[in-house]
Structures are given as structure tokens and as C-alpha cells.
Amino acid sequence: LAFGKQVGKLDLQAQVGPDVTLGTEVVGVGVVGGAAATYLASETVALFLETAVTAKNFAWEGGVFQFDTATFGMKFFPTAKDRRRDEINAGATVPVVSRYWQFHYGSLSMQYNHYFQ
């Protein structure tokens, strides 16, 4: 389930949903969700901040498995006058809350998207 709203140059959205595990020995329901904000600084540059929440194994004796992250970065639209057909992203992801997931210190990423019409 997701909701979004555009307020001037700011795009906001939030989502939440179930994470269902059906296995031969394990059956469980978890929660996934997050929120995102993108600020269009100009026709060709945007800044973004995103969060992701994962929680499952609520009935486990050791406690809830939880791994939440935050991602921030920039988007570039080199063809802004052509309806933003191209998009280049650069960002970093860092763990905010981590229970039972060790040795993840974050990541850097870049991506390119071309939208066909």
C-alpha cells in the first residue's frame, strides 16, 4: 500500500506491506515499508532521501529480525527539455537499525535509466 503527494518541487511518498514467508519448516509474516522525498532543485538536478524498513520473525525467541536503511543522493536529468527521458542517479545507503544482520556498513551506487516512449 503506497501513498504519494507532490508539494511544489518536493515529491513525497510512503509505502507499507506484508512480507510473507511460506516454507516447508518456516511460515511467517513480516513488515516491509519505507518513505522517500525528492526535491527538484532545478530542471536537471534533484536531491533524494529514502528509507527502507524490514522486520520479521516477530514470534522468534531471539527477538525480531530488523534491518532498516537510509539512502541519499542526487539525480541528474541531462535531457530535461525532452521530458526527462534519461536519468542518472548517484547515492549512498547506510544501515540505521540492524538486529541479527552483521557486517553491513553501507554501499555506494550509481544507475542510469532511459525511459522509452
C-alpha atoms as a PDB file:
ATOM      1  CA  LEU A   1       0.000   0.000   0.000  1.00  0.00           C
ATOM      2  CA  ALA A   2       1.547   3.320  -1.015  1.00  0.00           C
ATOM      3  CA  PHE A   3       0.695   6.991  -0.827  1.00  0.00           C
ATOM      4  CA  GLY A   4       2.314   9.945  -2.539  1.00  0.00           C
ATOM      5  CA  LYS A   5       1.968  13.697  -2.748  1.00  0.00           C
ATOM      6  CA  GLN A   6       3.670  16.409  -4.756  1.00  0.00           C
ATOM      7  CA  VAL A   7       4.121  19.688  -2.881  1.00  0.00           C
ATOM      8  CA  GLY A   8       5.708  22.310  -5.111  1.00  0.00           C
ATOM      9  CA  LYS A   9       9.169  20.997  -6.011  1.00  0.00           C
ATOM     10  CA  LEU A  10       9.004  18.234  -3.379  1.00  0.00           C
ATOM     11  CA  ASP A  11       7.749  14.706  -4.127  1.00  0.00           C
ATOM     12  CA  LEU A  12       6.805  12.660  -1.040  1.00  0.00           C
ATOM     13  CA  GLN A  13       5.760   9.021  -0.817  1.00  0.00           C
ATOM     14  CA  ALA A  14       5.369   6.255   1.773  1.00  0.00           C
ATOM     15  CA  GLN A  15       4.613   2.562   1.480  1.00  0.00           C
ATOM     16  CA  VAL A  16       3.998  -0.414   3.758  1.00  0.00           C
ATOM     17  CA  GLY A  17       3.171  -4.045   3.113  1.00  0.00           C
ATOM     18  CA  PRO A  18       3.451  -7.639   4.332  1.00  0.00           C
ATOM     19  CA  ASP A  19       6.457  -9.914   3.802  1.00  0.00           C
ATOM     20  CA  VAL A  20       5.059 -13.447   3.793  1.00  0.00           C
ATOM     21  CA  THR A  21       7.381 -16.458   4.178  1.00  0.00           C
ATOM     22  CA  LEU A  22       5.936 -19.841   3.221  1.00  0.00           C
ATOM     23  CA  GLY A  23       8.412 -22.685   3.572  1.00  0.00           C
ATOM     24  CA  THR A  24       8.383 -26.354   4.483  1.00  0.00           C
ATOM     25  CA  GLU A  25       9.552 -25.610   8.032  1.00  0.00           C
ATOM     26  CA  VAL A  26       9.067 -21.854   8.342  1.00  0.00           C
ATOM     27  CA  VAL A  27       5.899 -19.818   7.988  1.00  0.00           C
ATOM     28  CA  GLY A  28       5.853 -16.185   8.982  1.00  0.00           C
ATOM     29  CA  VAL A  29       4.683 -12.690   8.258  1.00  0.00           C
ATOM     30  CA  GLY A  30       6.859  -9.625   8.411  1.00  0.00           C
ATOM     31  CA  VAL A  31       6.557  -5.966   7.549  1.00  0.00           C
ATOM     32  CA  VAL A  32       8.321  -4.008   4.814  1.00  0.00           C
ATOM     33  CA  GLY A  33       7.952  -0.330   4.154  1.00  0.00           C
ATOM     34  CA  GLY A  34       9.633   2.987   3.780  1.00  0.00           C
ATOM     35  CA  ALA A  35       9.371   6.600   2.777  1.00  0.00           C
ATOM     36  CA  ALA A  36      11.008   8.816   0.175  1.00  0.00           C
ATOM     37  CA  ALA A  37      11.397  12.504  -0.554  1.00  0.00           C
ATOM     38  CA  THR A  38      12.774  14.004  -3.760  1.00  0.00           C
ATOM     39  CA  TYR A  39      13.434  17.717  -4.150  1.00  0.00           C
ATOM     40  CA  LEU A  40      13.691  19.050  -7.710  1.00  0.00           C
ATOM     41  CA  ALA A  41      16.393  21.695  -7.271  1.00  0.00           C
ATOM     42  CA  SER A  42      16.383  22.611 -10.977  1.00  0.00           C
ATOM     43  CA  GLU A  43      15.202  21.155 -14.294  1.00  0.00           C
ATOM     44  CA  THR A  44      18.292  18.951 -14.423  1.00  0.00           C
ATOM     45  CA  VAL A  45      19.149  18.159 -10.756  1.00  0.00           C
ATOM     46  CA  ALA A  46      17.202  16.579  -7.890  1.00  0.00           C
ATOM     47  CA  LEU A  47      18.147  15.506  -4.359  1.00  0.00           C
ATOM     48  CA  PHE A  48      16.620  12.430  -2.733  1.00  0.00           C
ATOM     49  CA  LEU A  49      16.347  10.748   0.666  1.00  0.00           C
ATOM     50  CA  GLU A  50      14.770   7.316   1.075  1.00  0.00           C
ATOM     51  CA  THR A  51      14.223   4.935   3.972  1.00  0.00           C
ATOM     52  CA  ALA A  52      13.548   1.195   3.955  1.00  0.00           C
ATOM     53  CA  VAL A  53      12.212  -0.858   6.861  1.00  0.00           C
ATOM     54  CA  THR A  54      12.302  -4.660   7.108  1.00  0.00           C
ATOM     55  CA  ALA A  55      11.059  -6.522  10.195  1.00  0.00           C
ATOM     56  CA  LYS A  56      10.158 -10.209  10.522  1.00  0.00           C
ATOM     57  CA  ASN A  57      10.228 -13.210  12.871  1.00  0.00           C
ATOM     58  CA  PHE A  58       8.033 -11.446  15.441  1.00  0.00           C
ATOM     59  CA  ALA A  59       7.424 -14.692  17.375  1.00  0.00           C
ATOM     60  CA  TRP A  60      11.081 -15.788  17.404  1.00  0.00           C
ATOM     61  CA  GLU A  61      12.510 -16.246  20.898  1.00  0.00           C
ATOM     62  CA  GLY A  62      15.666 -14.323  19.963  1.00  0.00           C
ATOM     63  CA  GLY A  63      13.694 -11.215  19.074  1.00  0.00           C
ATOM     64  CA  VAL A  64      12.581  -9.520  15.896  1.00  0.00           C
ATOM     65  CA  PHE A  65      14.886  -9.537  12.859  1.00  0.00           C
ATOM     66  CA  GLN A  66      15.163  -5.919  11.761  1.00  0.00           C
ATOM     67  CA  PHE A  67      17.214  -4.197   9.081  1.00  0.00           C
ATOM     68  CA  ASP A  68      16.435  -0.563   8.288  1.00  0.00           C
ATOM     69  CA  THR A  69      18.402   1.624   5.881  1.00  0.00           C
ATOM     70  CA  ALA A  70      18.575   5.215   4.681  1.00  0.00           C
ATOM     71  CA  THR A  71      19.630   6.169   1.150  1.00  0.00           C
ATOM     72  CA  PHE A  72      20.526   9.659  -0.022  1.00  0.00           C
ATOM     73  CA  GLY A  73      21.929  11.124  -3.198  1.00  0.00           C
ATOM     74  CA  MET A  74      21.378  13.089  -6.369  1.00  0.00           C
ATOM     75  CA  LYS A  75      19.540  12.582  -9.657  1.00  0.00           C
ATOM     76  CA  PHE A  76      20.578  14.202 -12.911  1.00  0.00           C
ATOM     77  CA  PHE A  77      18.322  14.675 -15.931  1.00  0.00           C
ATOM     78  CA  PRO A  78      20.629  15.508 -18.866  1.00  0.00           C
ATOM     79  CA  THR A  79      17.700  15.662 -21.319  1.00  0.00           C
ATOM     80  CA  ALA A  80      15.352  17.764 -19.177  1.00  0.00           C
ATOM     81  CA  LYS A  81      13.906  19.517 -22.205  1.00  0.00           C
ATOM     82  CA  ASP A  82      12.993  16.120 -23.700  1.00  0.00           C
ATOM     83  CA  ARG A  83      10.628  15.085 -20.866  1.00  0.00           C
ATOM     84  CA  ARG A  84      13.368  13.586 -18.689  1.00  0.00           C
ATOM     85  CA  ARG A  85      13.866  10.530 -20.865  1.00  0.00           C
ATOM     86  CA  ASP A  86      17.290   9.947 -19.276  1.00  0.00           C
ATOM     87  CA  GLU A  87      18.069   9.804 -15.563  1.00  0.00           C
ATOM     88  CA  ILE A  88      21.406   9.284 -13.801  1.00  0.00           C
ATOM     89  CA  ASN A  89      21.434   8.560 -10.049  1.00  0.00           C
ATOM     90  CA  ALA A  90      24.307   8.510  -7.572  1.00  0.00           C
ATOM     91  CA  GLY A  91      23.756   7.716  -3.919  1.00  0.00           C
ATOM     92  CA  ALA A  92      24.825   6.026  -0.714  1.00  0.00           C
ATOM     93  CA  THR A  93      22.976   3.605   1.562  1.00  0.00           C
ATOM     94  CA  VAL A  94      23.710   3.253   5.274  1.00  0.00           C
ATOM     95  CA  PRO A  95      22.167   0.940   7.882  1.00  0.00           C
ATOM     96  CA  VAL A  96      20.141   2.786  10.505  1.00  0.00           C
ATOM     97  CA  VAL A  97      18.910  -0.146  12.635  1.00  0.00           C
ATOM     98  CA  SER A  98      20.367  -3.642  12.410  1.00  0.00           C
ATOM     99  CA  ARG A  99      19.356  -6.622  14.540  1.00  0.00           C
ATOM    100  CA  TYR A 100      20.814 -10.017  13.618  1.00  0.00           C
ATOM    101  CA  TRP A 101      22.437  -8.816  10.382  1.00  0.00           C
ATOM    102  CA  GLN A 102      26.111  -8.177  10.929  1.00  0.00           C
ATOM    103  CA  PHE A 103      28.940  -6.669   8.903  1.00  0.00           C
ATOM    104  CA  HIS A 104      26.960  -4.425   6.568  1.00  0.00           C
ATOM    105  CA  TYR A 105      28.447  -0.956   6.633  1.00  0.00           C
ATOM    106  CA  GLY A 106      26.670   0.630   3.685  1.00  0.00           C
ATOM    107  CA  SER A 107      27.124   0.940  -0.047  1.00  0.00           C
ATOM    108  CA  LEU A 108      27.589   3.381  -2.899  1.00  0.00           C
ATOM    109  CA  SER A 109      25.620   3.042  -6.108  1.00  0.00           C
ATOM    110  CA  MET A 110      25.066   4.633  -9.485  1.00  0.00           C
ATOM    111  CA  GLN A 111      22.446   3.855 -12.106  1.00  0.00           C
ATOM    112  CA  TYR A 112      21.283   5.040 -15.470  1.00  0.00           C
ATOM    113  CA  ASN A 113      17.675   4.833 -16.692  1.00  0.00           C
ATOM    114  CA  HIS A 114      16.352   5.537 -20.158  1.00  0.00           C
ATOM    115  CA  TYR A 115      12.562   5.786 -20.472  1.00  0.00           C
ATOM    116  CA  PHE A 116      11.176   4.705 -23.845  1.00  0.00           C
ATOM    117  CA  GLN A 117       8.046   6.352 -25.176  1.00  0.00           C
END
